[in-house]
C-alpha atoms as a PDB file:
ATOM      1  CA  ILE A   1      -7.089 -14.220 -20.826  1.00  0.00           C
ATOM      2  CA  ASP A   2      -5.999 -17.654 -21.929  1.00  0.00           C
ATOM      3  CA  LYS A   3      -9.192 -19.548 -21.018  1.00  0.00           C
ATOM      4  CA  LYS A   4      -7.490 -22.898 -21.707  1.00  0.00           C
ATOM      5  CA  LYS A   5      -5.508 -22.439 -18.478  1.00  0.00           C
ATOM      6  CA  TYR A   6      -8.777 -22.493 -16.523  1.00  0.00           C
ATOM      7  CA  SER A   7     -10.752 -25.059 -18.493  1.00  0.00           C
ATOM      8  CA  ASP A   8     -10.432 -27.877 -15.963  1.00  0.00           C
ATOM      9  CA  ASP A   9      -9.941 -28.518 -12.267  1.00  0.00           C
ATOM     10  CA  GLU A  10      -6.532 -30.141 -12.560  1.00  0.00           C
ATOM     11  CA  PRO A  11      -4.162 -29.104  -9.764  1.00  0.00           C
ATOM     12  CA  ARG A  12      -1.688 -26.409 -10.720  1.00  0.00           C
ATOM     13  CA  THR A  13       1.900 -26.227  -9.599  1.00  0.00           C
ATOM     14  CA  TYR A  14       3.193 -23.306  -7.623  1.00  0.00           C
ATOM     15  CA  ALA A  15       6.072 -22.517  -5.301  1.00  0.00           C
ATOM     16  CA  LEU A  16       4.705 -23.525  -1.899  1.00  0.00           C
ATOM     17  CA  ASP A  17       7.570 -21.859  -0.019  1.00  0.00           C
ATOM     18  CA  ALA A  18       6.979 -18.543  -1.817  1.00  0.00           C
ATOM     19  CA  ALA A  19       3.237 -18.751  -1.148  1.00  0.00           C
ATOM     20  CA  GLU A  20       3.880 -19.434   2.557  1.00  0.00           C
ATOM     21  CA  ARG A  21       6.303 -16.496   2.833  1.00  0.00           C
ATOM     22  CA  TYR A  22       3.829 -14.186   1.116  1.00  0.00           C
ATOM     23  CA  PHE A  23       0.965 -15.344   3.333  1.00  0.00           C
ATOM     24  CA  THR A  24       3.129 -14.691   6.398  1.00  0.00           C
ATOM     25  CA  ALA A  25       4.013 -11.204   5.118  1.00  0.00           C
ATOM     26  CA  LEU A  26       0.322 -10.449   4.442  1.00  0.00           C
ATOM     27  CA  SER A  27      -0.697 -11.708   7.892  1.00  0.00           C
ATOM     28  CA  HIS A  28       1.834  -9.508   9.693  1.00  0.00           C
ATOM     29  CA  THR A  29       1.079  -6.539   7.436  1.00  0.00           C
ATOM     30  CA  GLY A  30      -2.661  -6.911   7.988  1.00  0.00           C
ATOM     31  CA  ARG A  31      -2.148  -6.780  11.747  1.00  0.00           C
ATOM     32  CA  LEU A  32      -0.064  -3.579  11.455  1.00  0.00           C
ATOM     33  CA  PHE A  33      -2.590  -2.012   9.073  1.00  0.00           C
ATOM     34  CA  GLU A  34      -5.416  -2.750  11.539  1.00  0.00           C
ATOM     35  CA  LEU A  35      -3.412  -1.026  14.268  1.00  0.00           C
ATOM     36  CA  VAL A  36      -2.811   2.128  12.199  1.00  0.00           C
ATOM     37  CA  ARG A  37      -6.365   2.056  10.821  1.00  0.00           C
ATOM     38  CA  GLY A  38      -7.673   2.110  14.394  1.00  0.00           C
ATOM     39  CA  GLU A  39      -5.633   5.240  15.150  1.00  0.00           C
ATOM     40  CA  LEU A  40      -7.107   7.255  12.270  1.00  0.00           C
ATOM     41  CA  MET A  41     -10.199   9.411  12.567  1.00  0.00           C
ATOM     42  CA  GLY A  42     -12.697   9.440   9.717  1.00  0.00           C
ATOM     43  CA  GLU A  43     -14.377   7.023   7.344  1.00  0.00           C
ATOM     44  CA  LYS A  44     -12.210   4.042   6.379  1.00  0.00           C
ATOM     45  CA  ASP A  45     -12.751   0.887   4.422  1.00  0.00           C
ATOM     46  CA  PRO A  46     -11.608  -2.472   5.827  1.00  0.00           C
ATOM     47  CA  VAL A  47      -8.147  -3.858   5.206  1.00  0.00           C
ATOM     48  CA  GLN A  48      -8.628  -5.811   1.978  1.00  0.00           C
ATOM     49  CA  PHE A  49      -6.677  -8.077  -0.352  1.00  0.00           C
ATOM     50  CA  TRP A  50      -6.956  -7.012  -3.999  1.00  0.00           C
ATOM     51  CA  PRO A  51      -6.492  -9.897  -6.467  1.00  0.00           C
ATOM     52  CA  HIS A  52      -5.722  -7.684  -9.480  1.00  0.00           C
ATOM     53  CA  HIS A  53      -2.293  -6.678  -8.055  1.00  0.00           C
ATOM     54  CA  PHE A  54      -2.121  -9.010  -5.047  1.00  0.00           C
ATOM     55  CA  ASP A  55      -1.826  -6.031  -2.729  1.00  0.00           C
ATOM     56  CA  LEU A  56      -3.224  -5.528   0.750  1.00  0.00           C
ATOM     57  CA  SER A  57      -4.595  -2.070   1.511  1.00  0.00           C
ATOM     58  CA  PHE A  58      -7.158   0.165   3.131  1.00  0.00           C
ATOM     59  CA  ILE A  59      -8.410   3.655   2.317  1.00  0.00           C
ATOM     60  CA  LEU A  60      -9.061   6.637   4.571  1.00  0.00           C
ATOM     61  CA  LEU A  61     -11.577   9.030   3.021  1.00  0.00           C
ATOM     62  CA  GLY A  62     -11.016  12.772   3.248  1.00  0.00           C
ATOM     63  CA  ASN A  63     -13.453  15.668   3.411  1.00  0.00           C
ATOM     64  CA  LYS A  64     -12.918  17.166  -0.054  1.00  0.00           C
ATOM     65  CA  MET A  65     -14.667  16.217  -3.288  1.00  0.00           C
ATOM     66  CA  ILE A  66     -12.299  16.131  -6.286  1.00  0.00           C
ATOM     67  CA  LYS A  67     -13.568  16.661  -9.815  1.00  0.00           C
ATOM     68  CA  THR A  68     -11.836  14.644 -12.539  1.00  0.00           C
ATOM     69  CA  MET A  69     -12.569  13.864 -16.178  1.00  0.00           C
ATOM     70  CA  GLU A  70     -14.277  10.630 -15.024  1.00  0.00           C
ATOM     71  CA  GLY A  71     -16.423  12.182 -12.307  1.00  0.00           C
ATOM     72  CA  GLU A  72     -16.311  13.499  -8.760  1.00  0.00           C
ATOM     73  CA  TYR A  73     -14.589  11.492  -6.012  1.00  0.00           C
ATOM     74  CA  PRO A  74     -13.761  11.983  -2.341  1.00  0.00           C
ATOM     75  CA  SER A  75     -10.181  12.798  -1.429  1.00  0.00           C
ATOM     76  CA  GLN A  76      -8.408   9.851   0.159  1.00  0.00           C
ATOM     77  CA  ILE A  77      -5.205   8.278   1.354  1.00  0.00           C
ATOM     78  CA  THR A  78      -4.491   4.640   0.527  1.00  0.00           C
ATOM     79  CA  PHE A  79      -2.203   2.607   2.787  1.00  0.00           C
ATOM     80  CA  GLY A  80      -0.899  -0.561   1.178  1.00  0.00           C
ATOM     81  CA  PHE A  81       1.592  -3.358   0.669  1.00  0.00           C
ATOM     82  CA  ALA A  82       2.250  -4.743  -2.822  1.00  0.00           C
ATOM     83  CA  PRO A  83       4.472  -7.573  -4.114  1.00  0.00           C
ATOM     84  CA  ASP A  84       5.592  -5.525  -7.128  1.00  0.00           C
ATOM     85  CA  ASP A  85       4.359  -3.550 -10.132  1.00  0.00           C
ATOM     86  CA  PRO A  86       5.793  -2.266 -13.413  1.00  0.00           C
ATOM     87  CA  GLY A  87       7.350   0.754 -11.703  1.00  0.00           C
ATOM     88  CA  GLN A  88       8.655  -1.121  -8.667  1.00  0.00           C
ATOM     89  CA  PRO A  89       9.854  -4.677  -9.345  1.00  0.00           C
ATOM     90  CA  SER A  90      10.106  -5.764  -5.680  1.00  0.00           C
ATOM     91  CA  PRO A  91       7.733  -5.723  -2.675  1.00  0.00           C
ATOM     92  CA  TYR A  92       6.987  -2.385  -1.030  1.00  0.00           C
ATOM     93  CA  PHE A  93       4.757  -0.489   1.373  1.00  0.00           C
ATOM     94  CA  TYR A  94       3.003   2.612   0.098  1.00  0.00           C
ATOM     95  CA  VAL A  95       0.923   5.542   1.302  1.00  0.00           C
ATOM     96  CA  THR A  96      -0.592   7.477  -1.561  1.00  0.00           C
ATOM     97  CA  PRO A  97      -2.942  10.466  -1.450  1.00  0.00           C
ATOM     98  CA  PHE A  98      -5.626  11.498  -3.913  1.00  0.00           C
ATOM     99  CA  PRO A  99      -5.224  14.174  -5.000  1.00  0.00           C
ATOM    100  CA  PHE A 100      -1.433  14.254  -5.048  1.00  0.00           C
ATOM    101  CA  GLU A 101       0.445  17.529  -4.879  1.00  0.00           C
ATOM    102  CA  GLU A 102       4.142  17.743  -5.705  1.00  0.00           C
ATOM    103  CA  SER A 103       4.720  19.965  -2.667  1.00  0.00           C
ATOM    104  CA  VAL A 104       4.277  16.956  -0.372  1.00  0.00           C
ATOM    105  CA  THR A 105       7.580  15.526  -1.637  1.00  0.00           C
ATOM    106  CA  HIS A 106       9.414  18.183   0.387  1.00  0.00           C
ATOM    107  CA  GLN A 107       8.257  16.454   3.556  1.00  0.00           C
ATOM    108  CA  LYS A 108      10.838  14.215   5.218  1.00  0.00           C
ATOM    109  CA  LEU A 109      10.166  10.477   5.342  1.00  0.00           C
ATOM    110  CA  PRO A 110      11.809   7.903   7.647  1.00  0.00           C
ATOM    111  CA  ASN A 111      15.130   6.323   6.714  1.00  0.00           C
ATOM    112  CA  GLY A 112      14.823   4.074   3.634  1.00  0.00           C
ATOM    113  CA  ALA A 113      11.526   5.570   2.444  1.00  0.00           C
ATOM    114  CA  VAL A 114      11.244   7.762  -0.652  1.00  0.00           C
ATOM    115  CA  TRP A 115       8.677   9.814  -2.522  1.00  0.00           C
ATOM    116  CA  HIS A 116       7.677   7.919  -5.662  1.00  0.00           C
ATOM    117  CA  THR A 117       6.406  10.016  -8.575  1.00  0.00           C
ATOM    118  CA  ALA A 118       6.692   7.714 -11.617  1.00  0.00           C
ATOM    119  CA  LEU A 119       3.508   5.840 -12.704  1.00  0.00           C
ATOM    120  CA  TRP A 120       1.872   6.571  -9.332  1.00  0.00           C
ATOM    121  CA  GLN A 121       2.574   9.166  -6.643  1.00  0.00           C
ATOM    122  CA  GLY A 122       3.084   8.686  -2.956  1.00  0.00           C
ATOM    123  CA  ALA A 123       5.424   7.514  -0.244  1.00  0.00           C
ATOM    124  CA  LEU A 124       7.198   4.192  -0.782  1.00  0.00           C
ATOM    125  CA  LEU A 125       9.166   1.981   1.606  1.00  0.00           C
ATOM    126  CA  PRO A 126      10.880  -0.993  -0.075  1.00  0.00           C
ATOM    127  CA  TYR A 127      10.426  -4.304   1.710  1.00  0.00           C
ATOM    128  CA  ALA A 128      14.171  -4.875   1.265  1.00  0.00           C
ATOM    129  CA  GLU A 129      14.747  -2.055   3.768  1.00  0.00           C
ATOM    130  CA  LEU A 130      12.936  -4.141   6.399  1.00  0.00           C
ATOM    131  CA  ALA A 131      13.530  -7.797   5.595  1.00  0.00           C
ATOM    132  CA  GLU A 132      14.964  -9.798   8.474  1.00  0.00           C
ATOM    133  CA  LYS A 133      15.589  -6.728  10.648  1.00  0.00           C
ATOM    134  CA  ALA A 134      14.678  -6.854  14.331  1.00  0.00           C
ATOM    135  CA  ASP A 135      12.949  -3.464  14.238  1.00  0.00           C
ATOM    136  CA  SER A 136      10.986  -4.006  11.021  1.00  0.00           C
ATOM    137  CA  GLU A 137       7.533  -3.655  12.606  1.00  0.00           C
ATOM    138  CA  GLU A 138       8.481  -0.386  14.295  1.00  0.00           C
ATOM    139  CA  ARG A 139       9.911   0.918  11.014  1.00  0.00           C
ATOM    140  CA  ILE A 140       6.745   0.005   9.094  1.00  0.00           C
ATOM    141  CA  LEU A 141       4.576   1.769  11.674  1.00  0.00           C
ATOM    142  CA  GLU A 142       6.885   4.801  11.630  1.00  0.00           C
ATOM    143  CA  PHE A 143       6.642   4.909   7.829  1.00  0.00           C
ATOM    144  CA  LEU A 144       2.835   4.631   7.747  1.00  0.00           C
ATOM    145  CA  ARG A 145       2.376   7.285  10.429  1.00  0.00           C
ATOM    146  CA  SER A 146       4.994   9.635   8.962  1.00  0.00           C
ATOM    147  CA  ALA A 147       3.607   9.420   5.421  1.00  0.00           C
ATOM    148  CA  TYR A 148       0.093  10.002   6.748  1.00  0.00           C
ATOM    149  CA  SER A 149       1.281  13.083   8.648  1.00  0.00           C
ATOM    150  CA  ALA A 150       2.880  14.439   5.473  1.00  0.00           C
ATOM    151  CA  GLU A 151      -0.177  13.728   3.289  1.00  0.00           C
ATOM    152  CA  LYS A 152      -3.153  14.422   5.573  1.00  0.00           C
ATOM    153  CA  GLY A 153      -3.268  18.093   4.607  1.00  0.00           C
ATOM    154  CA  LEU A 154      -4.068  17.068   1.026  1.00  0.00           C
ATOM    155  CA  ILE A 155      -7.354  15.375   1.886  1.00  0.00           C
END
């Protein structure tokens, strides 16, 4: 970390229009996540904003305990929205199970969504498939519910 960038309280410059668009996207996404979260049975964490990747997500815990090299963890499905990452250079919605099994990729996803298996594994719906479309909210909800249906047997 370049500590010089944070050594004083001088105002920083940023693209206000981009920040406003992202805040609007997060606000709408948070509302949709709360709706889907309320439909799911089981232990869930709250919808949260994660500053390390600037993504919004929540986790549904499963009933299985999974042993890994690092320890033992509960199975889970993460529902999220991210601005980008090294494997996906544009905004996207995701639903990713832990553990992941390749067999889930044979399940059909809604139009525009794909199974992503590079760097991380799960269902992915690019934001570009939804931007400025009248039915975008319905398509997001369809994606989240469809991916959950495909993945719930893993947890």
